[in-house]
Amino acid sequence: MKIVLDTNVMVSAFLKPRSKPARILRLVLQGDLFIICNEHILSEYLEVLKRPKFELNLGKIHTIIAFIRSEGFMPLPSLTH
């Protein structure tokens, strides 16, 4: 199944390891779900997750973003006339 994860879901997954958002992220990492995203969304994930107020592990953030970048579904932008 392909899904789009809002940034607040990603933040919740990192902050609350036993939450439903964390379960969704685990399913993505296991290959049971696929994230649909683009570079703008990935940049937003990274920018928000790196905020000092969250005190998250930067290595873990970069690892997960790299996984999503390599395994996620990144549709090409459509051309309009």
Foldseek 3Di string as FASTA:
>chain_A
DEDADQLVLVLCLQQPVVDPSVVVLVCCVVVVYAYEDAVVRLVVNLVVNPDVVSVGDNVVSVVSSVCNVVGHHYDDDDDDD
